[in-house]
């Protein structure tokens, strides 16, 4: 039965009225932090971060995703960050604009504006707090996809932050019904979710890991890339890890995973993301240690733990 269903999905996805605008997301994409200074976005630091990613061989950047503190930016700031990212990337990196929201009208506005600005794609977080049903999730994404049909869309399932997940069947329904829904960022913490998605998604819909510590197991099961938090500070390492997986060199990937797992795990466990990663970037001199409420700085104790972790990896 599974094989029959998957075959029917492939027929749908290759039909003349459902031809995909295929932009592969294979590779490493950095969920960029948004640097602040004195209450406003620090665009000089932001541009320097983009340069760092380009120099390291990163495939793409995700400005104003949730790692970029998108819930605390007003729409004008949000779109200006996307504009600056596109302008400064200047074709060196793909720009996957974070334009998701828990209000469908807001997601549509941000997505259509990002398309006008020239973004290569959009990242759409699952609506948070509202706790919609799977039908509500489908209708939300359907409305956004229809509003910007020319822009490839990456779904983002992160139940730890949004309370609900995008069910594999819902993701498959969306990928088959809308040619611009071409990938999913999976951050549910379960390798089995990758297996479940592979059973139902059309082959043209790509899966990316949304968790640095789970990159190797996710990619060994069929994911083709990563949207990374850690790449803000160690982009070369993340590029090497993802490339090793995509080249089938799992011995090398396992060595990198073993060596850097404590760093990946620490960046995600010391406090709520993006507090540890932005603090780490600050300690390394890339930006100021400034957040917008309700996020606050690390405690003195945890800041000390982070400093030691970075020192262990010769990053400070």
Protein backbone atom coordinates (compact mmCIF):
# COMPACT_ATOMS: atom_id res chain seq x y z
CA UNK A 1 0.00 0.00 0.00
CA UNK A 2 2.82 2.41 0.87
CA UNK A 3 4.46 1.81 -2.49
CA UNK A 4 1.20 2.45 -4.33
CA UNK A 5 0.59 5.68 -2.45
CA UNK A 6 4.11 6.93 -3.09
CA UNK A 7 3.76 6.12 -6.79
CA UNK A 8 0.55 8.15 -6.94
CA UNK A 9 2.33 11.09 -5.30
CA UNK A 10 5.04 10.95 -7.96
CA UNK A 11 2.43 11.00 -10.70
CA UNK A 12 0.83 14.07 -9.18
CA UNK A 13 4.12 15.91 -8.69
CA UNK A 14 5.19 15.42 -12.31
CA UNK A 15 1.83 16.20 -13.91
CA UNK A 16 1.80 19.28 -16.21
CA UNK A 17 -0.33 21.28 -13.77
CA UNK A 18 1.95 20.52 -10.82
CA UNK A 19 5.44 21.11 -12.22
CA UNK A 20 7.75 22.13 -9.38
CA UNK A 21 9.85 25.25 -9.38
CA UNK A 22 12.78 23.19 -8.19
CA UNK A 23 15.44 24.89 -6.16
CA UNK A 24 17.48 22.28 -4.37
CA UNK A 25 18.20 22.95 -0.71
CA UNK A 26 21.02 20.41 -0.66
CA UNK A 27 23.82 21.67 1.56
CA UNK A 28 24.21 23.88 4.62
CA UNK A 29 22.05 26.87 5.42
CA UNK A 30 22.70 29.10 8.43
CA UNK A 31 19.82 30.33 10.58
CA UNK A 32 21.36 33.74 11.14
CA UNK A 33 21.19 35.57 14.44
CA UNK A 34 20.03 39.20 14.27
CA UNK A 35 22.62 41.44 15.96
CA UNK A 36 21.28 44.38 17.94
CA UNK A 37 23.05 47.44 19.27
CA UNK A 38 21.38 50.08 21.41
CA UNK A 39 17.93 48.75 20.60
CA UNK A 40 18.24 48.66 16.81
CA UNK A 41 19.52 46.13 14.29
CA UNK A 42 23.30 46.30 13.92
CA UNK A 43 23.60 46.03 10.17
CA UNK A 44 27.39 46.30 10.13
CA UNK A 45 27.65 43.21 12.33
CA UNK A 46 24.94 41.51 10.28
CA UNK A 47 26.82 42.07 7.02
CA UNK A 48 30.02 40.78 8.59
CA UNK A 49 28.18 37.62 9.64
CA UNK A 50 27.02 37.12 6.06
CA UNK A 51 30.59 37.56 4.77
CA UNK A 52 31.77 34.96 7.27
CA UNK A 53 29.19 32.48 5.96
CA UNK A 54 30.11 33.10 2.33
CA UNK A 55 33.83 32.71 3.01
CA UNK A 56 33.19 29.38 4.75
CA UNK A 57 31.33 27.88 1.81
CA UNK A 58 27.84 27.94 3.32
CA UNK A 59 25.13 27.23 0.73
CA UNK A 60 22.52 29.65 2.01
CA UNK A 61 21.41 31.87 4.85
CA UNK A 62 18.09 32.20 6.66
CA UNK A 63 17.62 35.77 7.86
CA UNK A 64 14.90 36.52 10.41
CA UNK A 65 13.99 32.97 11.23
CA UNK A 66 13.17 32.26 14.84
CA UNK A 67 16.93 32.07 15.57
CA UNK A 68 16.95 35.65 14.27
CA UNK A 69 14.45 36.65 16.99
CA UNK A 70 11.76 37.29 14.40
CA UNK A 71 8.90 37.51 16.94
CA UNK A 72 10.49 40.64 18.43
CA UNK A 73 11.01 42.53 15.16
CA UNK A 74 8.27 44.76 13.78
CA UNK A 75 7.36 44.10 10.15
CA UNK A 76 9.35 47.04 8.83
CA UNK A 77 12.52 45.82 10.56
CA UNK A 78 11.82 42.25 9.50
CA UNK A 79 11.64 43.18 5.83
CA UNK A 80 14.66 45.49 6.05
CA UNK A 81 16.78 42.64 7.46
CA UNK A 82 15.69 40.48 4.53
CA UNK A 83 16.47 43.27 2.07
CA UNK A 84 19.95 43.81 3.50
CA UNK A 85 20.62 40.07 3.49
CA UNK A 86 19.68 39.78 -0.19
CA UNK A 87 21.65 42.88 -1.14
CA UNK A 88 24.77 41.86 0.76
CA UNK A 89 24.69 38.19 -0.18
CA UNK A 90 24.78 39.44 -3.77
CA UNK A 91 24.34 35.98 -5.25
CA UNK A 92 27.10 34.42 -3.15
CA UNK A 93 24.54 32.66 -0.96
CA UNK A 94 20.95 31.59 -1.37
CA UNK A 95 18.65 33.67 0.81
CA UNK A 96 15.80 31.75 2.42
CA UNK A 97 13.77 34.48 4.09
CA UNK A 98 12.14 33.64 7.39
CA UNK A 99 8.60 34.84 6.75
CA UNK A 100 6.48 32.51 8.85
CA UNK A 101 4.07 33.73 11.51
CA UNK A 102 1.24 32.43 13.67
CA UNK A 103 -1.15 34.83 11.94
CA UNK A 104 -1.74 33.74 8.36
CA UNK A 105 -2.29 37.29 7.12
CA UNK A 106 1.08 38.35 8.55
CA UNK A 107 2.84 35.36 6.98
CA UNK A 108 1.29 36.22 3.62
CA UNK A 109 2.38 39.86 3.89
CA UNK A 110 5.97 39.01 4.84
CA UNK A 111 6.23 36.30 2.19
CA UNK A 112 4.88 38.35 -0.70
CA UNK A 113 7.13 41.26 0.25
CA UNK A 114 10.16 38.96 0.50
CA UNK A 115 9.36 37.67 -2.98
CA UNK A 116 9.33 41.25 -4.29
CA UNK A 117 12.69 41.88 -2.61
CA UNK A 118 14.22 38.95 -4.49
CA UNK A 119 14.49 36.21 -1.88
CA UNK A 120 15.34 32.78 -3.27
CA UNK A 121 12.86 31.00 -1.00
CA UNK A 122 10.94 31.32 2.25
CA UNK A 123 11.05 29.41 5.52
CA UNK A 124 7.61 28.97 7.08
CA UNK A 125 7.52 28.03 10.75
CA UNK A 126 4.49 26.06 11.90
CA UNK A 127 2.00 28.51 13.47
CA UNK A 128 2.88 28.73 17.14
CA UNK A 129 0.65 29.15 20.21
CA UNK A 130 -2.59 28.94 18.22
CA UNK A 131 -2.31 25.13 18.28
CA UNK A 132 -4.20 24.64 15.00
CA UNK A 133 -5.55 21.29 13.84
CA UNK A 134 -3.86 19.56 10.91
CA UNK A 135 -6.57 21.00 8.66
CA UNK A 136 -5.81 24.45 10.04
CA UNK A 137 -2.10 23.91 9.37
CA UNK A 138 -2.90 22.83 5.82
CA UNK A 139 -5.13 25.83 5.17
CA UNK A 140 -2.51 28.20 6.64
CA UNK A 141 0.26 26.96 4.36
CA UNK A 142 -2.08 26.70 1.40
CA UNK A 143 -2.96 30.38 1.74
CA UNK A 144 0.70 31.41 1.91
CA UNK A 145 1.69 29.18 -1.02
CA UNK A 146 -1.11 30.57 -3.17
CA UNK A 147 -0.17 34.15 -2.30
CA UNK A 148 3.43 33.74 -3.52
CA UNK A 149 3.37 30.92 -6.10
CA UNK A 150 6.69 31.96 -7.61
CA UNK A 151 8.64 31.56 -4.35
CA UNK A 152 9.87 28.11 -3.24
CA UNK A 153 8.71 27.37 0.30
CA UNK A 154 10.35 25.34 3.06
CA UNK A 155 7.95 24.11 5.74
CA UNK A 156 9.32 24.14 9.29
CA UNK A 157 8.07 21.63 11.83
CA UNK A 158 9.33 22.40 15.35
CA UNK A 159 6.79 21.12 17.91
CA UNK A 160 9.06 22.00 20.84
CA UNK A 161 8.47 25.67 20.06
CA UNK A 162 5.13 25.71 18.24
CA UNK A 163 3.35 23.00 20.32
CA UNK A 164 2.05 21.21 17.22
CA UNK A 165 3.92 19.39 14.46
CA UNK A 166 3.26 19.22 10.75
CA UNK A 167 2.06 15.64 10.39
CA UNK A 168 3.80 13.70 7.59
CA UNK A 169 0.47 13.27 5.83
CA UNK A 170 -0.16 17.02 6.00
CA UNK A 171 3.31 17.76 4.62
CA UNK A 172 2.70 15.30 1.78
CA UNK A 173 -0.69 16.82 1.00
CA UNK A 174 0.86 20.27 0.81
CA UNK A 175 3.83 19.16 -1.28
CA UNK A 176 1.55 17.47 -3.78
CA UNK A 177 -1.02 20.26 -4.00
CA UNK A 178 1.40 23.21 -4.30
CA UNK A 179 4.36 23.13 -6.66
CA UNK A 180 6.21 25.81 -4.72
CA UNK A 181 6.28 23.80 -1.47
CA UNK A 182 9.54 22.01 -2.14
CA UNK A 183 11.10 21.10 1.23
CA UNK A 184 10.65 20.70 4.96
CA UNK A 185 12.95 21.59 7.83
CA UNK A 186 12.48 18.84 10.40
CA UNK A 187 13.21 19.81 14.01
CA UNK A 188 11.08 17.35 15.95
CA UNK A 189 14.07 15.59 17.50
CA UNK A 190 13.12 12.21 16.03
CA UNK A 191 15.03 10.30 13.38
CA UNK A 192 11.91 8.23 12.80
CA UNK A 193 10.13 11.36 11.59
CA UNK A 194 12.58 11.46 8.68
CA UNK A 195 11.67 7.88 7.83
CA UNK A 196 7.96 8.68 8.09
CA UNK A 197 8.33 11.72 5.82
CA UNK A 198 10.27 9.72 3.23
CA UNK A 199 7.40 7.24 3.03
CA UNK A 200 4.84 9.83 2.01
CA UNK A 201 6.57 12.87 0.48
CA UNK A 202 7.08 13.06 -3.27
CA UNK A 203 10.73 12.50 -4.14
CA UNK A 204 11.03 16.08 -5.34
CA UNK A 205 10.28 17.39 -1.83
CA UNK A 206 13.51 17.59 0.16
CA UNK A 207 14.05 17.04 3.88
CA UNK A 208 16.54 19.07 5.90
CA UNK A 209 17.68 18.60 9.45
CA UNK A 210 16.73 21.41 11.80
CA UNK A 211 18.93 20.17 14.67
CA UNK A 212 22.73 20.37 14.54
CA UNK A 213 23.27 17.39 16.89
CA UNK A 214 21.01 15.18 14.73
CA UNK A 215 22.48 16.08 11.35
CA UNK A 216 24.38 12.82 10.83
CA UNK A 217 21.52 10.44 11.72
CA UNK A 218 18.99 12.54 9.80
CA UNK A 219 21.15 12.62 6.67
CA UNK A 220 21.96 8.93 6.93
CA UNK A 221 18.19 8.32 6.66
CA UNK A 222 17.61 10.60 3.68
CA UNK A 223 17.82 14.28 4.64
CA UNK A 224 19.89 16.25 2.11
CA UNK A 225 21.07 19.16 4.21
CA UNK A 226 20.84 21.22 7.35
CA UNK A 227 19.51 24.52 8.59
CA UNK A 228 22.13 25.19 11.24
CA UNK A 229 22.35 27.30 14.37
CA UNK A 230 25.97 26.36 15.15
CA UNK A 231 27.09 27.59 11.72
CA UNK A 232 26.84 31.13 13.07
CA UNK A 233 30.15 30.47 14.86
CA UNK A 234 31.67 27.34 13.22
CA UNK A 235 30.48 27.44 9.59
CA UNK A 236 33.51 25.58 8.24
CA UNK A 237 32.87 22.62 10.55
CA UNK A 238 29.19 22.44 9.60
CA UNK A 239 29.99 22.63 5.89
CA UNK A 240 32.51 19.81 6.27
CA UNK A 241 30.02 17.65 8.17
CA UNK A 242 27.16 18.13 5.70
CA UNK A 243 29.41 17.68 2.67
CA UNK A 244 30.80 14.44 4.13
CA UNK A 245 27.26 13.11 4.56
CA UNK A 246 26.20 14.12 1.05
CA UNK A 247 29.35 12.49 -0.37
CA UNK A 248 28.67 9.26 1.51
CA UNK A 249 31.80 9.60 3.66
CA UNK A 250 30.11 8.62 6.90
CA UNK A 251 33.38 7.69 8.62
CA UNK A 252 34.50 11.30 8.31
CA UNK A 253 31.05 12.57 9.28
CA UNK A 254 31.02 10.36 12.38
CA UNK A 255 34.41 11.67 13.45
CA UNK A 256 33.20 15.26 13.12
CA UNK A 257 29.98 14.42 14.93
CA UNK A 258 31.87 12.84 17.83
CA UNK A 259 34.32 15.71 18.09
CA UNK A 260 31.79 18.53 17.93
CA UNK A 261 28.71 17.01 19.54
CA UNK A 262 29.46 18.64 22.94
CA UNK A 263 29.53 22.05 21.26
CA UNK A 264 26.36 21.44 19.24
CA UNK A 265 24.49 20.12 22.27
CA UNK A 266 25.72 22.86 24.59
CA UNK A 267 24.61 25.62 22.25
CA UNK A 268 21.08 24.21 22.30
CA UNK A 269 20.79 23.23 25.98
CA UNK A 270 22.30 26.01 28.08
CA UNK A 271 19.26 28.23 27.51
CA UNK A 272 16.53 28.94 24.99
CA UNK A 273 17.77 29.34 21.43
CA UNK A 274 19.08 31.85 20.29
CA UNK A 275 20.44 33.03 23.64
CA UNK A 276 23.47 30.68 23.76
CA UNK A 277 24.44 31.10 20.10
CA UNK A 278 24.20 34.89 20.15
CA UNK A 279 26.14 35.00 23.43
CA UNK A 280 28.78 32.75 21.86
CA UNK A 281 29.00 35.04 18.83
CA UNK A 282 29.39 37.98 21.20
CA UNK A 283 32.18 36.26 23.15
CA UNK A 284 33.93 35.64 19.83
CA UNK A 285 33.63 39.34 18.92
CA UNK A 286 31.05 39.04 16.14
CA UNK A 287 28.25 41.10 17.70
CA UNK A 288 27.02 42.65 20.92
CA UNK A 289 25.36 40.53 23.61
CA UNK A 290 22.00 42.23 23.22
CA UNK A 291 18.53 40.66 23.13
CA UNK A 292 15.00 41.94 23.02
CA UNK A 293 12.54 41.08 25.73
CA UNK A 294 11.24 38.61 26.62
CA UNK A 295 14.67 37.07 25.94
CA UNK A 296 17.40 38.02 28.39
CA UNK A 297 21.12 37.40 28.75
CA UNK A 298 22.56 34.20 30.15
CA UNK A 299 23.05 34.05 33.90
CA UNK A 300 26.60 34.56 35.17
CA UNK A 301 26.86 30.83 35.88
CA UNK A 302 25.70 29.75 32.43
CA UNK A 303 27.81 32.40 30.73
CA UNK A 304 30.83 30.90 32.48
CA UNK A 305 29.84 27.44 31.28
CA UNK A 306 29.52 28.72 27.73
CA UNK A 307 32.90 30.47 27.90
CA UNK A 308 34.53 27.23 29.03
CA UNK A 309 32.78 25.29 26.26
CA UNK A 310 34.04 27.72 23.62
CA UNK A 311 37.53 27.63 25.10
CA UNK A 312 37.50 23.83 24.91
CA UNK A 313 37.07 24.19 21.16
CA UNK A 314 39.62 27.01 20.85
CA UNK A 315 36.93 29.48 19.81
CA UNK A 316 37.85 32.13 22.40
